Amino acid sequence: YHRLISAFYKATGVPMVLNTSFNTLKSEPIVETPRNAIRSFLSSMGTIEMLVMGDYVIKRKPADIRKLLGEEQKSGLMTRPSFPKRAGSANYKTTFSASLGDGEDLDPVTLVQIPDRPMHNEKDGGWFELLDDLEGQLLGVCDGSVGVSDIMTQFAAMEEEENFEKISEQDQILLENILRRLVRLYEHTLISW
């Protein structure tokens, strides 16, 4: 090890090498396969900047809202918006917890399971907790055939011809909530675009 550390010091000016296990998932063993390494890397949610495996360097691709919505190019032409697509077939499960009393305090929890998703983990059943019903409904409509304007038409009082610059304040808030949830679903590899 002395030769390795000496060579590293000569090349970098850092007189030590830190070796740590690669595992970002709670109660999981050290990664053993490329698939486990990629799943663990994606689960790090950006705390690990890149994954190097042999000749491959893997970086997390940030959610590109401009690509999702379409944008105007310098030439004045608009690029086509992307259509978000689920990582595969989805199974949903909702549970409720009720407190003693008047029955008003129902706490629903909705989980989704997509076995084809890169971060799917069989050890915990592969269930992922959704924020709310809106996130679940969005995941349901993300089949690769609809864009954000179509989604807004379904969820808001917005007409099909309207564009995002001429919508009501209430619909603007809804649009921001939809975009936030789409980004979250993207970051957790439930959808892509």
N, C-alpha and C. Protein backbone atom coordinates (compact mmCIF):
# COMPACT_ATOMS: atom_id res chain seq x y z
N TYR A 1 0.81 -1.20 0.00
CA TYR A 1 0.00 0.00 0.00
C TYR A 1 0.86 1.27 0.00
N HIS A 2 2.05 1.16 0.53
CA HIS A 2 2.92 2.33 0.62
C HIS A 2 3.21 2.89 -0.77
N ARG A 3 3.50 2.01 -1.76
CA ARG A 3 3.77 2.47 -3.12
C ARG A 3 2.56 3.19 -3.71
N LEU A 4 1.38 2.64 -3.47
CA LEU A 4 0.14 3.26 -3.98
C LEU A 4 -0.04 4.65 -3.38
N ILE A 5 0.09 4.75 -2.07
CA ILE A 5 -0.11 6.03 -1.40
C ILE A 5 0.96 7.03 -1.83
N SER A 6 2.20 6.57 -1.97
CA SER A 6 3.29 7.45 -2.41
C SER A 6 3.03 7.95 -3.83
N ALA A 7 2.58 7.07 -4.72
CA ALA A 7 2.28 7.47 -6.09
C ALA A 7 1.11 8.46 -6.12
N PHE A 8 0.11 8.20 -5.30
CA PHE A 8 -1.04 9.11 -5.22
C PHE A 8 -0.60 10.48 -4.71
N TYR A 9 0.26 10.50 -3.70
CA TYR A 9 0.78 11.76 -3.14
C TYR A 9 1.57 12.52 -4.19
N LYS A 10 2.40 11.80 -4.95
CA LYS A 10 3.22 12.44 -5.99
C LYS A 10 2.32 13.06 -7.07
N ALA A 11 1.26 12.36 -7.43
CA ALA A 11 0.37 12.83 -8.50
C ALA A 11 -0.57 13.94 -8.05
N THR A 12 -0.99 13.93 -6.77
CA THR A 12 -2.04 14.85 -6.34
C THR A 12 -1.62 15.84 -5.25
N GLY A 13 -0.55 15.53 -4.55
CA GLY A 13 -0.15 16.37 -3.42
C GLY A 13 -0.93 16.04 -2.16
N VAL A 14 -1.77 15.02 -2.20
CA VAL A 14 -2.54 14.57 -1.03
C VAL A 14 -1.86 13.31 -0.50
N PRO A 15 -1.39 13.33 0.75
CA PRO A 15 -0.59 12.22 1.26
C PRO A 15 -1.38 11.05 1.84
N MET A 16 -2.63 10.88 1.41
CA MET A 16 -3.41 9.76 1.94
C MET A 16 -4.47 9.34 0.94
N VAL A 17 -4.95 8.11 1.12
CA VAL A 17 -6.04 7.58 0.32
C VAL A 17 -7.10 7.11 1.31
N LEU A 18 -8.33 7.53 1.09
CA LEU A 18 -9.42 7.11 1.96
C LEU A 18 -10.23 6.06 1.22
N ASN A 19 -10.36 4.91 1.81
CA ASN A 19 -11.15 3.83 1.22
C ASN A 19 -12.39 3.66 2.08
N THR A 20 -13.54 3.73 1.46
CA THR A 20 -14.79 3.56 2.20
C THR A 20 -15.70 2.63 1.41
N SER A 21 -16.65 2.04 2.08
CA SER A 21 -17.58 1.16 1.39
C SER A 21 -18.54 2.01 0.55
N PHE A 22 -19.01 1.44 -0.53
CA PHE A 22 -19.96 2.13 -1.40
C PHE A 22 -21.33 1.54 -1.13
N ASN A 23 -22.12 2.30 -0.42
CA ASN A 23 -23.47 1.89 -0.10
C ASN A 23 -24.22 3.12 0.39
N THR A 24 -25.24 3.53 -0.33
CA THR A 24 -26.02 4.69 0.08
C THR A 24 -27.40 4.30 0.59
N LEU A 25 -27.72 3.02 0.52
CA LEU A 25 -29.05 2.56 0.91
C LEU A 25 -29.02 1.96 2.31
N LYS A 26 -29.91 2.44 3.15
CA LYS A 26 -29.99 1.99 4.53
C LYS A 26 -30.16 0.46 4.60
N SER A 27 -29.41 -0.15 5.47
CA SER A 27 -29.44 -1.59 5.76
C SER A 27 -29.13 -2.47 4.54
N GLU A 28 -28.42 -1.92 3.58
CA GLU A 28 -27.99 -2.69 2.41
C GLU A 28 -26.51 -3.03 2.55
N PRO A 29 -26.07 -4.16 2.02
CA PRO A 29 -24.63 -4.46 2.03
C PRO A 29 -23.90 -3.60 1.00
N ILE A 30 -22.60 -3.67 1.00
CA ILE A 30 -21.78 -2.98 0.01
C ILE A 30 -22.20 -3.46 -1.37
N VAL A 31 -22.20 -2.55 -2.36
CA VAL A 31 -22.61 -2.94 -3.71
C VAL A 31 -21.69 -4.02 -4.25
N GLU A 32 -22.28 -4.94 -4.98
CA GLU A 32 -21.51 -6.07 -5.53
C GLU A 32 -21.61 -6.18 -7.04
N THR A 33 -22.60 -5.52 -7.64
CA THR A 33 -22.80 -5.64 -9.09
C THR A 33 -22.95 -4.25 -9.68
N PRO A 34 -22.73 -4.11 -10.99
CA PRO A 34 -22.98 -2.81 -11.62
C PRO A 34 -24.41 -2.31 -11.41
N ARG A 35 -25.38 -3.19 -11.48
CA ARG A 35 -26.78 -2.79 -11.27
C ARG A 35 -26.97 -2.22 -9.86
N ASN A 36 -26.39 -2.89 -8.84
CA ASN A 36 -26.48 -2.38 -7.47
C ASN A 36 -25.77 -1.04 -7.33
N ALA A 37 -24.63 -0.89 -8.02
CA ALA A 37 -23.87 0.36 -7.95
C ALA A 37 -24.69 1.51 -8.54
N ILE A 38 -25.32 1.28 -9.68
CA ILE A 38 -26.13 2.32 -10.33
C ILE A 38 -27.33 2.67 -9.46
N ARG A 39 -27.99 1.65 -8.91
CA ARG A 39 -29.15 1.90 -8.03
C ARG A 39 -28.73 2.72 -6.81
N SER A 40 -27.60 2.34 -6.20
CA SER A 40 -27.11 3.06 -5.04
C SER A 40 -26.72 4.50 -5.41
N PHE A 41 -26.07 4.66 -6.56
CA PHE A 41 -25.69 5.99 -7.05
C PHE A 41 -26.92 6.87 -7.25
N LEU A 42 -27.94 6.35 -7.94
CA LEU A 42 -29.15 7.12 -8.17
C LEU A 42 -29.86 7.45 -6.86
N SER A 43 -29.80 6.55 -5.91
CA SER A 43 -30.45 6.76 -4.61
C SER A 43 -29.73 7.80 -3.77
N SER A 44 -28.50 8.13 -4.13
CA SER A 44 -27.75 9.13 -3.36
C SER A 44 -28.34 10.53 -3.55
N MET A 45 -29.23 10.70 -4.53
CA MET A 45 -29.94 11.96 -4.79
C MET A 45 -28.98 13.14 -4.92
N GLY A 46 -27.85 12.90 -5.59
CA GLY A 46 -26.93 13.99 -5.89
C GLY A 46 -25.79 14.15 -4.90
N THR A 47 -25.78 13.41 -3.78
CA THR A 47 -24.67 13.53 -2.84
C THR A 47 -23.41 12.88 -3.40
N ILE A 48 -23.57 11.98 -4.34
CA ILE A 48 -22.44 11.43 -5.09
C ILE A 48 -22.54 12.03 -6.49
N GLU A 49 -21.50 12.75 -6.92
CA GLU A 49 -21.57 13.48 -8.18
C GLU A 49 -21.45 12.59 -9.41
N MET A 50 -20.64 11.55 -9.32
CA MET A 50 -20.49 10.66 -10.47
C MET A 50 -20.10 9.28 -10.01
N LEU A 51 -20.35 8.32 -10.87
CA LEU A 51 -20.00 6.93 -10.62
C LEU A 51 -19.08 6.49 -11.74
N VAL A 52 -17.91 5.97 -11.39
CA VAL A 52 -16.95 5.50 -12.38
C VAL A 52 -16.88 3.98 -12.26
N MET A 53 -17.17 3.30 -13.37
CA MET A 53 -17.09 1.84 -13.43
C MET A 53 -16.29 1.48 -14.67
N GLY A 54 -15.06 1.04 -14.47
CA GLY A 54 -14.20 0.70 -15.60
C GLY A 54 -13.99 1.94 -16.46
N ASP A 55 -14.33 1.84 -17.74
CA ASP A 55 -14.17 2.96 -18.67
C ASP A 55 -15.38 3.89 -18.71
N TYR A 56 -16.38 3.63 -17.88
CA TYR A 56 -17.62 4.40 -17.92
C TYR A 56 -17.69 5.40 -16.77
N VAL A 57 -18.10 6.63 -17.10
CA VAL A 57 -18.36 7.66 -16.10
C VAL A 57 -19.85 7.99 -16.19
N ILE A 58 -20.56 7.78 -15.09
CA ILE A 58 -22.01 7.97 -15.07
C ILE A 58 -22.31 9.19 -14.20
N LYS A 59 -23.06 10.13 -14.76
CA LYS A 59 -23.48 11.31 -14.02
C LYS A 59 -24.99 11.39 -14.02
N ARG A 60 -25.54 11.91 -12.94
CA ARG A 60 -26.99 12.10 -12.84
C ARG A 60 -27.38 13.25 -13.78
N LYS A 61 -28.38 13.00 -14.59
CA LYS A 61 -28.86 14.02 -15.52
C LYS A 61 -29.93 14.85 -14.81
N PRO A 62 -29.70 16.16 -14.64
CA PRO A 62 -30.71 16.97 -13.94
C PRO A 62 -31.99 17.10 -14.77
N ALA A 63 -33.08 17.33 -14.07
CA ALA A 63 -34.37 17.52 -14.74
C ALA A 63 -34.31 18.81 -15.56
N ASP A 64 -34.61 18.72 -16.83
CA ASP A 64 -34.55 19.87 -17.73
C ASP A 64 -35.98 20.37 -17.99
N ILE A 65 -36.38 21.39 -17.23
CA ILE A 65 -37.73 21.94 -17.35
C ILE A 65 -37.96 22.55 -18.73
N ARG A 66 -36.92 23.17 -19.29
CA ARG A 66 -37.08 23.77 -20.62
C ARG A 66 -37.40 22.70 -21.67
N LYS A 67 -36.74 21.55 -21.55
CA LYS A 67 -37.01 20.45 -22.48
C LYS A 67 -38.43 19.93 -22.26
N LEU A 68 -38.85 19.87 -20.99
CA LEU A 68 -40.19 19.40 -20.67
C LEU A 68 -41.27 20.31 -21.26
N LEU A 69 -41.06 21.62 -21.14
CA LEU A 69 -42.08 22.58 -21.60
C LEU A 69 -41.92 22.98 -23.06
N GLY A 70 -40.74 22.74 -23.65
CA GLY A 70 -40.44 23.27 -24.97
C GLY A 70 -39.96 24.70 -24.80
N GLU A 71 -39.07 25.13 -25.66
CA GLU A 71 -38.56 26.50 -25.51
C GLU A 71 -38.32 27.13 -26.87
N GLU A 72 -38.31 28.46 -26.84
CA GLU A 72 -38.07 29.20 -28.06
C GLU A 72 -36.57 29.25 -28.34
N GLN A 73 -36.18 28.91 -29.54
CA GLN A 73 -34.78 28.95 -29.95
C GLN A 73 -34.44 30.37 -30.42
N LYS A 74 -33.15 30.64 -30.62
CA LYS A 74 -32.70 31.95 -31.11
C LYS A 74 -33.33 32.29 -32.45
N SER A 75 -33.61 31.26 -33.24
CA SER A 75 -34.21 31.47 -34.56
C SER A 75 -35.69 31.85 -34.47
N GLY A 76 -36.27 31.76 -33.26
CA GLY A 76 -37.68 32.07 -33.09
C GLY A 76 -38.57 30.83 -33.14
N LEU A 77 -38.01 29.71 -33.57
CA LEU A 77 -38.78 28.47 -33.61
C LEU A 77 -38.88 27.87 -32.22
N MET A 78 -39.97 27.19 -31.96
CA MET A 78 -40.17 26.52 -30.67
C MET A 78 -39.74 25.06 -30.80
N THR A 79 -39.03 24.56 -29.79
CA THR A 79 -38.75 23.12 -29.75
C THR A 79 -39.99 22.44 -29.19
N ARG A 80 -40.21 21.25 -29.62
CA ARG A 80 -41.37 20.50 -29.15
C ARG A 80 -41.19 20.14 -27.68
N PRO A 81 -42.24 20.26 -26.88
CA PRO A 81 -42.12 19.85 -25.48
C PRO A 81 -41.98 18.33 -25.39
N SER A 82 -41.33 17.90 -24.31
CA SER A 82 -41.20 16.46 -24.06
C SER A 82 -42.44 15.95 -23.36
N PHE A 83 -42.69 14.68 -23.51
CA PHE A 83 -43.83 14.04 -22.87
C PHE A 83 -43.32 13.11 -21.78
N PRO A 84 -43.58 13.41 -20.51
CA PRO A 84 -43.08 12.55 -19.44
C PRO A 84 -43.64 11.14 -19.53
N LYS A 85 -42.77 10.17 -19.24
CA LYS A 85 -43.16 8.76 -19.36
C LYS A 85 -42.75 8.00 -18.11
N ARG A 86 -43.70 7.24 -17.58
CA ARG A 86 -43.46 6.37 -16.43
C ARG A 86 -42.39 5.33 -16.75
N ALA A 87 -41.65 4.90 -15.75
CA ALA A 87 -40.58 3.92 -15.95
C ALA A 87 -41.13 2.53 -16.24
N GLY A 88 -42.42 2.32 -16.13
CA GLY A 88 -43.03 1.02 -16.41
C GLY A 88 -44.42 0.96 -15.78
N SER A 89 -44.96 -0.24 -15.75
CA SER A 89 -46.27 -0.43 -15.12
C SER A 89 -46.19 -0.12 -13.64
N ALA A 90 -47.24 0.49 -13.12
CA ALA A 90 -47.24 0.92 -11.72
C ALA A 90 -48.32 0.20 -10.92
N ASN A 91 -47.96 -0.18 -9.71
CA ASN A 91 -48.92 -0.71 -8.74
C ASN A 91 -49.03 0.32 -7.62
N TYR A 92 -50.27 0.62 -7.22
CA TYR A 92 -50.50 1.60 -6.16
C TYR A 92 -51.07 0.89 -4.93
N LYS A 93 -50.74 1.44 -3.76
CA LYS A 93 -51.29 0.93 -2.51
C LYS A 93 -51.50 2.13 -1.59
N THR A 94 -52.71 2.26 -1.05
CA THR A 94 -53.00 3.34 -0.11
C THR A 94 -53.41 2.74 1.21
N THR A 95 -52.82 3.26 2.28
CA THR A 95 -53.19 2.84 3.63
C THR A 95 -53.68 4.07 4.39
N PHE A 96 -54.49 3.83 5.41
CA PHE A 96 -55.02 4.91 6.23
C PHE A 96 -54.74 4.61 7.69
N SER A 97 -54.40 5.65 8.41
CA SER A 97 -54.27 5.56 9.87
C SER A 97 -55.29 6.52 10.45
N ALA A 98 -56.09 6.02 11.36
CA ALA A 98 -57.12 6.86 11.97
C ALA A 98 -56.84 6.97 13.47
N SER A 99 -56.93 8.20 13.97
CA SER A 99 -56.76 8.40 15.40
C SER A 99 -58.10 8.18 16.10
N LEU A 100 -58.06 7.94 17.39
CA LEU A 100 -59.29 7.80 18.16
C LEU A 100 -59.97 9.15 18.24
N GLY A 101 -61.25 9.14 18.21
CA GLY A 101 -61.97 10.42 18.30
C GLY A 101 -63.06 10.50 17.27
N ASP A 102 -63.16 11.65 16.64
CA ASP A 102 -64.28 11.90 15.74
C ASP A 102 -64.07 11.36 14.33
N GLY A 103 -62.95 10.71 14.06
CA GLY A 103 -62.72 10.13 12.75
C GLY A 103 -62.28 11.12 11.70
N GLU A 104 -62.04 12.36 12.08
CA GLU A 104 -61.63 13.38 11.13
C GLU A 104 -60.15 13.29 10.77
N ASP A 105 -59.36 12.66 11.63
CA ASP A 105 -57.91 12.62 11.43
C ASP A 105 -57.47 11.35 10.69
N LEU A 106 -57.84 11.24 9.44
CA LEU A 106 -57.40 10.12 8.61
C LEU A 106 -56.11 10.54 7.90
N ASP A 107 -55.08 9.76 8.06
CA ASP A 107 -53.80 10.06 7.42
C ASP A 107 -53.52 9.04 6.33
N PRO A 108 -53.90 9.36 5.08
CA PRO A 108 -53.65 8.40 4.00
C PRO A 108 -52.19 8.45 3.55
N VAL A 109 -51.65 7.31 3.21
CA VAL A 109 -50.30 7.20 2.65
C VAL A 109 -50.43 6.39 1.37
N THR A 110 -50.00 6.97 0.25
CA THR A 110 -50.06 6.27 -1.02
C THR A 110 -48.66 5.88 -1.44
N LEU A 111 -48.51 4.61 -1.78
CA LEU A 111 -47.24 4.06 -2.21
C LEU A 111 -47.36 3.58 -3.65
N VAL A 112 -46.26 3.62 -4.37
CA VAL A 112 -46.25 3.12 -5.74
C VAL A 112 -45.07 2.16 -5.89
N GLN A 113 -45.27 1.18 -6.73
CA GLN A 113 -44.23 0.18 -7.01
C GLN A 113 -44.10 0.06 -8.53
N ILE A 114 -42.90 0.32 -9.04
CA ILE A 114 -42.63 0.20 -10.47
C ILE A 114 -41.39 -0.69 -10.62
N PRO A 115 -41.58 -1.99 -10.82
CA PRO A 115 -40.45 -2.91 -10.86
C PRO A 115 -39.41 -2.59 -11.94
N ASP A 116 -39.79 -1.90 -13.02
CA ASP A 116 -38.83 -1.59 -14.09
C ASP A 116 -37.99 -0.35 -13.80
N ARG A 117 -38.25 0.34 -12.71
CA ARG A 117 -37.52 1.57 -12.41
C ARG A 117 -36.12 1.25 -11.91
N PRO A 118 -35.12 2.05 -12.31
CA PRO A 118 -33.73 1.77 -11.92
C PRO A 118 -33.49 1.70 -10.41
N MET A 119 -34.24 2.47 -9.63
CA MET A 119 -34.03 2.47 -8.18
C MET A 119 -34.92 1.47 -7.46
N HIS A 120 -35.61 0.59 -8.20
CA HIS A 120 -36.50 -0.41 -7.58
C HIS A 120 -35.67 -1.32 -6.68
N ASN A 121 -36.17 -1.57 -5.49
CA ASN A 121 -35.47 -2.40 -4.52
C ASN A 121 -36.40 -3.50 -4.03
N GLU A 122 -36.15 -4.72 -4.44
CA GLU A 122 -36.99 -5.85 -4.04
C GLU A 122 -36.95 -6.10 -2.54
N LYS A 123 -35.85 -5.73 -1.89
CA LYS A 123 -35.70 -6.03 -0.46
C LYS A 123 -36.75 -5.34 0.39
N ASP A 124 -37.20 -4.17 -0.03
CA ASP A 124 -38.26 -3.49 0.73
C ASP A 124 -39.59 -3.55 -0.02
N GLY A 125 -39.69 -4.44 -0.97
CA GLY A 125 -40.89 -4.58 -1.77
C GLY A 125 -40.97 -3.58 -2.92
N GLY A 126 -40.01 -2.66 -2.97
CA GLY A 126 -39.96 -1.69 -4.05
C GLY A 126 -40.98 -0.57 -3.94
N TRP A 127 -41.58 -0.38 -2.77
CA TRP A 127 -42.61 0.64 -2.61
C TRP A 127 -41.99 2.01 -2.37
N PHE A 128 -42.53 3.02 -3.03
CA PHE A 128 -42.07 4.40 -2.91
C PHE A 128 -43.25 5.25 -2.46
N GLU A 129 -43.05 6.08 -1.43
CA GLU A 129 -44.14 6.90 -0.90
C GLU A 129 -44.32 8.17 -1.72
N LEU A 130 -45.54 8.37 -2.18
CA LEU A 130 -45.89 9.57 -2.94
C LEU A 130 -46.27 10.70 -1.97
N LEU A 131 -46.08 11.95 -2.41
CA LEU A 131 -46.39 13.09 -1.56
C LEU A 131 -47.89 13.23 -1.30
N ASP A 132 -48.69 13.03 -2.36
CA ASP A 132 -50.12 13.28 -2.25
C ASP A 132 -50.84 12.70 -3.46
N ASP A 133 -52.16 12.91 -3.49
CA ASP A 133 -52.97 12.39 -4.60
C ASP A 133 -52.55 13.00 -5.93
N LEU A 134 -52.20 14.29 -5.94
CA LEU A 134 -51.78 14.94 -7.19
C LEU A 134 -50.57 14.21 -7.79
N GLU A 135 -49.59 13.88 -6.95
CA GLU A 135 -48.42 13.19 -7.46
C GLU A 135 -48.80 11.81 -8.02
N GLY A 136 -49.71 11.13 -7.36
CA GLY A 136 -50.18 9.83 -7.85
C GLY A 136 -50.91 9.95 -9.17
N GLN A 137 -51.77 10.98 -9.29
CA GLN A 137 -52.51 11.20 -10.53
C GLN A 137 -51.56 11.57 -11.67
N LEU A 138 -50.56 12.40 -11.36
CA LEU A 138 -49.58 12.77 -12.39
C LEU A 138 -48.83 11.55 -12.88
N LEU A 139 -48.40 10.71 -11.96
CA LEU A 139 -47.70 9.49 -12.34
C LEU A 139 -48.58 8.62 -13.24
N GLY A 140 -49.86 8.61 -12.93
CA GLY A 140 -50.80 7.82 -13.74
C GLY A 140 -50.94 8.32 -15.17
N VAL A 141 -50.91 9.64 -15.39
CA VAL A 141 -51.09 10.17 -16.74
C VAL A 141 -49.78 10.25 -17.53
N CYS A 142 -48.65 10.05 -16.87
CA CYS A 142 -47.35 10.13 -17.56
C CYS A 142 -47.08 8.84 -18.33
N ASP A 143 -47.75 8.72 -19.48
CA ASP A 143 -47.59 7.51 -20.30
C ASP A 143 -46.80 7.78 -21.57
N GLY A 144 -46.20 8.98 -21.68
CA GLY A 144 -45.40 9.32 -22.85
C GLY A 144 -46.20 9.92 -23.99
N SER A 145 -47.51 10.10 -23.78
CA SER A 145 -48.34 10.63 -24.88
C SER A 145 -48.88 12.03 -24.60
N VAL A 146 -48.66 12.56 -23.39
CA VAL A 146 -49.18 13.89 -23.04
C VAL A 146 -48.07 14.78 -22.50
N GLY A 147 -48.18 16.07 -22.80
CA GLY A 147 -47.24 17.05 -22.30
C GLY A 147 -47.84 17.84 -21.14
N VAL A 148 -47.08 18.77 -20.62
CA VAL A 148 -47.54 19.56 -19.48
C VAL A 148 -48.80 20.35 -19.83
N SER A 149 -48.90 20.89 -21.05
CA SER A 149 -50.11 21.65 -21.40
C SER A 149 -51.34 20.75 -21.39
N ASP A 150 -51.20 19.50 -21.86
CA ASP A 150 -52.32 18.54 -21.80
C ASP A 150 -52.68 18.22 -20.36
N ILE A 151 -51.66 18.06 -19.53
CA ILE A 151 -51.88 17.77 -18.11
C ILE A 151 -52.60 18.94 -17.44
N MET A 152 -52.16 20.16 -17.75
CA MET A 152 -52.81 21.35 -17.17
C MET A 152 -54.27 21.43 -17.61
N THR A 153 -54.55 21.09 -18.84
CA THR A 153 -55.93 21.12 -19.34
C THR A 153 -56.79 20.14 -18.54
N GLN A 154 -56.21 18.98 -18.17
CA GLN A 154 -56.95 17.98 -17.40
C GLN A 154 -57.21 18.44 -15.97
N PHE A 155 -56.24 19.14 -15.36
CA PHE A 155 -56.33 19.46 -13.94
C PHE A 155 -56.83 20.87 -13.64
N ALA A 156 -56.83 21.76 -14.61
CA ALA A 156 -57.16 23.16 -14.34
C ALA A 156 -58.36 23.61 -15.15
N ALA A 157 -58.74 24.84 -14.90
CA ALA A 157 -59.82 25.46 -15.65
C ALA A 157 -59.24 26.15 -16.88
N MET A 158 -58.21 25.57 -17.44
CA MET A 158 -57.48 26.16 -18.56
C MET A 158 -58.02 25.61 -19.87
N GLU A 159 -58.19 26.46 -20.86
CA GLU A 159 -58.64 26.02 -22.17
C GLU A 159 -57.45 25.48 -22.96
N GLU A 160 -57.70 24.59 -23.89
CA GLU A 160 -56.62 23.99 -24.69
C GLU A 160 -55.79 25.02 -25.44
N GLU A 161 -56.41 26.10 -25.91
CA GLU A 161 -55.69 27.10 -26.69
C GLU A 161 -54.82 28.01 -25.83
N GLU A 162 -55.08 28.08 -24.54
CA GLU A 162 -54.33 28.99 -23.67
C GLU A 162 -52.87 28.57 -23.57
N ASN A 163 -52.00 29.55 -23.41
CA ASN A 163 -50.60 29.22 -23.16
C ASN A 163 -50.27 29.61 -21.72
N PHE A 164 -49.06 29.26 -21.27
CA PHE A 164 -48.69 29.45 -19.88
C PHE A 164 -48.54 30.92 -19.48
N GLU A 165 -48.46 31.83 -20.44
CA GLU A 165 -48.30 33.24 -20.12
C GLU A 165 -49.63 33.91 -19.78
N LYS A 166 -50.76 33.29 -20.13
CA LYS A 166 -52.06 33.93 -19.97
C LYS A 166 -52.98 33.15 -19.03
N ILE A 167 -52.43 32.50 -18.01
CA ILE A 167 -53.29 31.72 -17.13
C ILE A 167 -53.54 32.46 -15.83
N SER A 168 -54.60 32.06 -15.14
CA SER A 168 -54.98 32.72 -13.88
C SER A 168 -53.93 32.44 -12.80
N GLU A 169 -53.99 33.22 -11.74
CA GLU A 169 -53.05 33.04 -10.62
C GLU A 169 -53.22 31.65 -10.00
N GLN A 170 -54.46 31.20 -9.88
CA GLN A 170 -54.73 29.87 -9.32
C GLN A 170 -54.11 28.78 -10.20
N ASP A 171 -54.27 28.90 -11.52
CA ASP A 171 -53.68 27.92 -12.43
C ASP A 171 -52.16 28.02 -12.44
N GLN A 172 -51.61 29.21 -12.22
CA GLN A 172 -50.16 29.38 -12.13
C GLN A 172 -49.61 28.59 -10.93
N ILE A 173 -50.31 28.66 -9.81
CA ILE A 173 -49.91 27.90 -8.62
C ILE A 173 -50.01 26.41 -8.90
N LEU A 174 -51.07 25.99 -9.57
CA LEU A 174 -51.22 24.58 -9.93
C LEU A 174 -50.09 24.14 -10.85
N LEU A 175 -49.74 24.97 -11.84
CA LEU A 175 -48.65 24.65 -12.76
C LEU A 175 -47.34 24.46 -11.99
N GLU A 176 -47.06 25.37 -11.06
CA GLU A 176 -45.83 25.25 -10.27
C GLU A 176 -45.82 23.97 -9.45
N ASN A 177 -46.98 23.60 -8.87
CA ASN A 177 -47.08 22.35 -8.11
C ASN A 177 -46.89 21.13 -9.00
N ILE A 178 -47.46 21.17 -10.18
CA ILE A 178 -47.30 20.06 -11.13
C ILE A 178 -45.83 19.92 -11.53
N LEU A 179 -45.18 21.04 -11.86
CA LEU A 179 -43.77 20.98 -12.26
C LEU A 179 -42.89 20.47 -11.12
N ARG A 180 -43.17 20.92 -9.90
CA ARG A 180 -42.39 20.46 -8.74
C ARG A 180 -42.51 18.94 -8.57
N ARG A 181 -43.72 18.44 -8.71
CA ARG A 181 -43.93 17.01 -8.54
C ARG A 181 -43.34 16.21 -9.71
N LEU A 182 -43.44 16.73 -10.92
CA LEU A 182 -42.82 16.04 -12.06
C LEU A 182 -41.30 15.96 -11.87
N VAL A 183 -40.68 17.02 -11.38
CA VAL A 183 -39.24 17.00 -11.12
C VAL A 183 -38.92 15.96 -10.05
N ARG A 184 -39.73 15.91 -8.99
CA ARG A 184 -39.50 14.93 -7.93
C ARG A 184 -39.63 13.50 -8.46
N LEU A 185 -40.65 13.25 -9.26
CA LEU A 185 -40.83 11.92 -9.85
C LEU A 185 -39.65 11.57 -10.76
N TYR A 186 -39.14 12.56 -11.49
CA TYR A 186 -37.99 12.37 -12.35
C TYR A 186 -36.75 12.04 -11.52
N GLU A 187 -36.51 12.81 -10.46
CA GLU A 187 -35.32 12.59 -9.62
C GLU A 187 -35.32 11.23 -8.96
N HIS A 188 -36.50 10.69 -8.70
CA HIS A 188 -36.60 9.36 -8.08
C HIS A 188 -36.77 8.25 -9.13
N THR A 189 -36.47 8.57 -10.37
CA THR A 189 -36.49 7.64 -11.52
C THR A 189 -37.84 6.97 -11.76
N LEU A 190 -38.93 7.62 -11.36
CA LEU A 190 -40.26 7.08 -11.63
C LEU A 190 -40.73 7.48 -13.03
N ILE A 191 -40.24 8.63 -13.53
CA ILE A 191 -40.56 9.07 -14.88
C ILE A 191 -39.27 9.60 -15.55
N SER A 192 -39.35 9.72 -16.85
CA SER A 192 -38.27 10.35 -17.61
C SER A 192 -38.91 11.23 -18.68
N TRP A 193 -38.10 12.10 -19.29
CA TRP A 193 -38.58 12.88 -20.45
C TRP A 193 -37.40 13.28 -21.30
